[in-house]
N, C-alpha and C. Protein backbone atom coordinates (compact mmCIF):
# COMPACT_ATOMS: atom_id res chain seq x y z
N UNK A 1 -4.35 1.54 -18.45
CA UNK A 1 -3.55 0.48 -19.03
C UNK A 1 -2.66 0.00 -17.84
N UNK A 2 -2.56 -1.35 -17.66
CA UNK A 2 -1.74 -1.86 -16.51
C UNK A 2 -0.21 -1.94 -16.97
N UNK A 3 0.57 -1.57 -16.02
CA UNK A 3 2.01 -1.70 -16.30
C UNK A 3 2.64 -2.43 -14.98
N UNK A 4 3.80 -2.87 -15.25
CA UNK A 4 4.49 -3.69 -14.12
C UNK A 4 5.14 -2.59 -13.31
N UNK A 5 4.72 -2.67 -11.98
CA UNK A 5 5.26 -1.71 -10.93
C UNK A 5 6.05 -2.58 -9.88
N UNK A 6 7.15 -2.06 -9.41
CA UNK A 6 7.87 -2.74 -8.40
C UNK A 6 7.80 -1.88 -7.03
N UNK A 7 7.29 -2.54 -6.02
CA UNK A 7 7.22 -1.85 -4.70
C UNK A 7 7.85 -2.74 -3.63
N UNK A 8 8.24 -2.13 -2.53
CA UNK A 8 8.75 -2.89 -1.40
C UNK A 8 7.80 -2.72 -0.24
N UNK A 9 7.22 -3.86 0.17
CA UNK A 9 6.19 -3.86 1.27
C UNK A 9 6.66 -4.78 2.35
N UNK A 10 6.72 -4.29 3.55
CA UNK A 10 7.08 -5.02 4.74
C UNK A 10 8.40 -5.81 4.50
N UNK A 11 9.34 -5.14 3.97
CA UNK A 11 10.72 -5.70 3.75
C UNK A 11 10.81 -6.70 2.71
N UNK A 12 9.81 -6.79 1.87
CA UNK A 12 9.79 -7.78 0.82
C UNK A 12 9.56 -7.06 -0.51
N UNK A 13 10.35 -7.35 -1.59
CA UNK A 13 10.11 -6.74 -2.86
C UNK A 13 8.90 -7.47 -3.72
N UNK A 14 8.00 -6.65 -4.36
CA UNK A 14 6.96 -7.20 -5.10
C UNK A 14 6.95 -6.59 -6.51
N UNK A 15 6.55 -7.32 -7.37
CA UNK A 15 6.27 -6.88 -8.76
C UNK A 15 4.76 -7.07 -9.01
N UNK A 16 3.94 -5.96 -9.34
CA UNK A 16 2.57 -6.13 -9.58
C UNK A 16 2.21 -5.48 -10.92
N UNK A 17 1.14 -6.09 -11.57
CA UNK A 17 0.60 -5.36 -12.80
C UNK A 17 -0.58 -4.57 -12.33
N UNK A 18 -0.41 -3.28 -12.58
CA UNK A 18 -1.58 -2.39 -12.10
C UNK A 18 -1.55 -1.05 -12.98
N UNK A 19 -2.69 -0.46 -13.04
CA UNK A 19 -2.76 0.88 -13.63
C UNK A 19 -1.97 1.83 -12.55
N UNK A 20 -1.15 2.68 -13.06
CA UNK A 20 -0.32 3.59 -12.16
C UNK A 20 -1.24 4.46 -11.34
N UNK A 21 -2.49 4.64 -11.68
CA UNK A 21 -3.42 5.60 -10.93
C UNK A 21 -4.17 4.80 -9.83
N UNK A 22 -4.08 3.41 -9.81
CA UNK A 22 -4.70 2.79 -8.95
C UNK A 22 -4.24 3.09 -7.43
N UNK A 23 -5.18 3.33 -6.45
CA UNK A 23 -4.86 3.64 -5.13
C UNK A 23 -3.95 2.46 -4.50
N UNK A 24 -2.84 2.83 -3.93
CA UNK A 24 -2.09 1.86 -3.12
C UNK A 24 -2.90 0.82 -2.39
N UNK A 25 -3.92 1.34 -1.65
CA UNK A 25 -4.66 0.49 -0.88
C UNK A 25 -5.25 -0.70 -1.57
N UNK A 26 -5.72 -0.48 -2.92
CA UNK A 26 -6.30 -1.60 -3.70
C UNK A 26 -5.21 -2.61 -3.99
N UNK A 27 -4.04 -2.20 -4.22
CA UNK A 27 -2.84 -3.13 -4.60
C UNK A 27 -2.57 -4.00 -3.35
N UNK A 28 -2.49 -3.21 -2.12
CA UNK A 28 -2.21 -3.91 -0.99
C UNK A 28 -3.21 -4.93 -0.61
N UNK A 29 -4.55 -4.58 -0.76
CA UNK A 29 -5.54 -5.53 -0.37
C UNK A 29 -5.83 -6.68 -1.41
N UNK A 30 -5.84 -6.20 -2.73
CA UNK A 30 -6.26 -7.16 -3.80
C UNK A 30 -5.12 -7.93 -4.35
N UNK A 31 -4.01 -7.34 -4.54
CA UNK A 31 -2.90 -7.95 -5.15
C UNK A 31 -1.98 -8.70 -4.25
N UNK A 32 -1.74 -8.03 -3.03
CA UNK A 32 -0.76 -8.63 -2.04
C UNK A 32 -1.60 -9.34 -0.90
N UNK A 33 -2.92 -9.18 -0.92
CA UNK A 33 -3.79 -9.97 0.06
C UNK A 33 -3.43 -9.56 1.51
N UNK A 34 -3.09 -8.31 1.82
CA UNK A 34 -2.84 -7.90 3.15
C UNK A 34 -4.15 -7.45 3.76
N UNK A 35 -4.25 -7.67 5.05
CA UNK A 35 -5.47 -7.39 5.82
C UNK A 35 -5.34 -6.16 6.75
N UNK A 36 -4.19 -5.63 6.95
CA UNK A 36 -3.92 -4.58 7.88
C UNK A 36 -4.67 -3.28 7.42
N UNK A 37 -4.29 -2.78 6.21
CA UNK A 37 -4.84 -1.52 5.67
C UNK A 37 -6.32 -1.85 5.26
N UNK A 38 -7.22 -1.02 5.75
CA UNK A 38 -8.69 -1.14 5.48
C UNK A 38 -9.24 -0.08 4.68
N UNK A 39 -10.29 -0.33 3.94
CA UNK A 39 -11.08 0.81 3.29
C UNK A 39 -12.02 1.31 4.34
N UNK A 40 -11.97 2.62 4.45
CA UNK A 40 -12.88 3.38 5.44
C UNK A 40 -13.75 4.31 4.65
N UNK A 41 -13.18 5.60 4.62
CA UNK A 41 -13.93 6.57 3.94
C UNK A 41 -13.67 6.86 2.56
N UNK A 42 -12.43 6.41 2.12
CA UNK A 42 -12.10 6.54 0.68
C UNK A 42 -11.65 7.95 0.34
N UNK A 43 -11.56 8.87 1.38
CA UNK A 43 -11.12 10.26 1.21
C UNK A 43 -9.96 10.64 1.91
N UNK A 44 -9.16 9.73 2.63
CA UNK A 44 -8.02 9.93 3.34
C UNK A 44 -8.21 10.69 4.66
N UNK A 45 -9.43 10.60 5.15
CA UNK A 45 -9.74 11.27 6.42
C UNK A 45 -9.80 10.45 7.68
N UNK A 46 -10.31 9.21 7.49
CA UNK A 46 -10.54 8.37 8.73
C UNK A 46 -9.30 7.64 9.28
N UNK A 47 -8.43 7.35 8.36
CA UNK A 47 -7.13 6.72 8.78
C UNK A 47 -7.09 5.16 8.77
N UNK A 48 -8.19 4.61 8.35
CA UNK A 48 -8.27 3.13 8.35
C UNK A 48 -7.19 2.49 7.36
N UNK A 49 -6.84 3.35 6.33
CA UNK A 49 -5.99 2.74 5.31
C UNK A 49 -4.51 3.20 5.44
N UNK A 50 -4.16 3.81 6.63
CA UNK A 50 -2.88 4.36 6.88
C UNK A 50 -1.75 3.25 6.82
N UNK A 51 -0.71 3.64 6.09
CA UNK A 51 0.56 2.86 6.05
C UNK A 51 1.69 3.80 6.17
N UNK A 52 2.87 3.23 6.37
CA UNK A 52 4.11 4.08 6.55
C UNK A 52 4.93 3.95 5.26
N UNK A 53 5.12 5.10 4.70
CA UNK A 53 5.98 5.14 3.47
C UNK A 53 7.19 6.12 3.72
N UNK A 54 8.34 5.48 3.76
CA UNK A 54 9.61 6.22 4.09
C UNK A 54 9.50 6.93 5.43
N UNK A 55 8.87 6.33 6.37
CA UNK A 55 8.71 6.79 7.77
C UNK A 55 7.68 7.77 8.02
N UNK A 56 6.82 7.97 6.93
CA UNK A 56 5.71 8.99 7.10
C UNK A 56 4.31 8.23 6.97
N UNK A 57 3.50 8.55 7.88
CA UNK A 57 2.19 8.01 7.86
C UNK A 57 1.42 8.58 6.65
N UNK A 58 0.92 7.58 5.81
CA UNK A 58 0.36 7.96 4.58
C UNK A 58 -0.95 7.29 4.28
N UNK A 59 -2.00 8.01 3.84
CA UNK A 59 -3.27 7.48 3.57
C UNK A 59 -3.24 6.70 2.18
N UNK A 60 -3.24 5.38 2.25
CA UNK A 60 -3.14 4.69 0.94
C UNK A 60 -4.30 4.67 0.04
N UNK A 61 -5.43 5.06 0.52
CA UNK A 61 -6.66 5.17 -0.28
C UNK A 61 -6.63 6.29 -1.30
N UNK A 62 -5.71 7.31 -1.05
CA UNK A 62 -5.59 8.41 -1.93
C UNK A 62 -4.26 8.64 -2.50
N UNK A 63 -3.36 7.59 -2.37
CA UNK A 63 -1.99 7.60 -2.82
C UNK A 63 -1.91 6.66 -4.01
N UNK A 64 -1.71 7.15 -5.21
CA UNK A 64 -1.57 6.24 -6.38
C UNK A 64 -0.32 5.42 -6.19
N UNK A 65 -0.50 4.08 -6.58
CA UNK A 65 0.66 3.10 -6.50
C UNK A 65 1.83 3.69 -7.15
N UNK A 66 1.70 4.48 -8.28
CA UNK A 66 2.92 4.96 -8.92
C UNK A 66 3.58 6.00 -8.18
N UNK A 67 3.02 6.61 -7.09
CA UNK A 67 3.58 7.66 -6.42
C UNK A 67 4.48 7.17 -5.21
N UNK A 68 4.42 5.77 -4.99
CA UNK A 68 5.22 5.26 -3.97
C UNK A 68 6.71 5.17 -4.39
N UNK A 69 7.53 5.83 -3.75
CA UNK A 69 8.98 5.94 -4.05
C UNK A 69 9.84 5.33 -3.02
N UNK A 70 9.35 4.69 -1.98
CA UNK A 70 10.08 4.11 -0.94
C UNK A 70 9.48 2.88 -0.26
N UNK A 71 10.06 2.41 0.76
CA UNK A 71 9.49 1.16 1.33
C UNK A 71 8.14 1.49 2.10
N UNK A 72 7.29 0.57 1.95
CA UNK A 72 5.94 0.67 2.65
C UNK A 72 5.89 -0.36 3.80
N UNK A 73 5.37 0.15 4.84
CA UNK A 73 5.13 -0.78 6.09
C UNK A 73 3.68 -0.67 6.36
N UNK A 74 3.03 -1.87 6.47
CA UNK A 74 1.69 -1.94 6.88
C UNK A 74 1.58 -2.51 8.38
N UNK A 75 0.46 -2.67 8.79
CA UNK A 75 0.24 -3.17 10.22
C UNK A 75 1.00 -4.54 10.40
N UNK A 76 0.91 -5.32 9.19
CA UNK A 76 1.59 -6.61 9.39
C UNK A 76 3.04 -6.42 9.44
N UNK A 77 3.64 -5.53 8.90
CA UNK A 77 5.14 -5.19 8.98
C UNK A 77 5.49 -4.78 10.39
N UNK A 78 4.56 -4.02 11.06
CA UNK A 78 4.82 -3.59 12.34
C UNK A 78 4.88 -4.71 13.36
N UNK A 79 4.01 -5.66 13.20
CA UNK A 79 3.91 -6.81 14.15
C UNK A 79 4.98 -7.98 13.86
N UNK A 80 5.68 -7.79 12.80
CA UNK A 80 6.74 -8.85 12.40
C UNK A 80 6.12 -10.09 11.83
N UNK A 81 4.82 -10.01 11.48
CA UNK A 81 4.13 -11.14 10.87
C UNK A 81 4.61 -11.20 9.37
N UNK A 82 4.80 -12.48 8.93
CA UNK A 82 5.11 -12.66 7.47
C UNK A 82 4.07 -12.20 6.61
N UNK A 83 4.44 -11.70 5.41
CA UNK A 83 3.49 -11.27 4.44
C UNK A 83 3.05 -12.42 3.60
């Protein structure tokens, strides 16, 4: 069941409708249309989906969007590009 979730990505607040169990990667790619995080192995091993959450490198393909409790920084956020 989709619920409204609020997350902060690249210094911008977002409100998305998603199932809380949806991997953060899918929200970043499909809802926010970001191209930095990529799908690789889907197991959190290859690192293609890595983002920074609260200053910690985190594999977004295995992190449920509901588990995000702090600001997310993607590759786009590191380069200063607008989201």
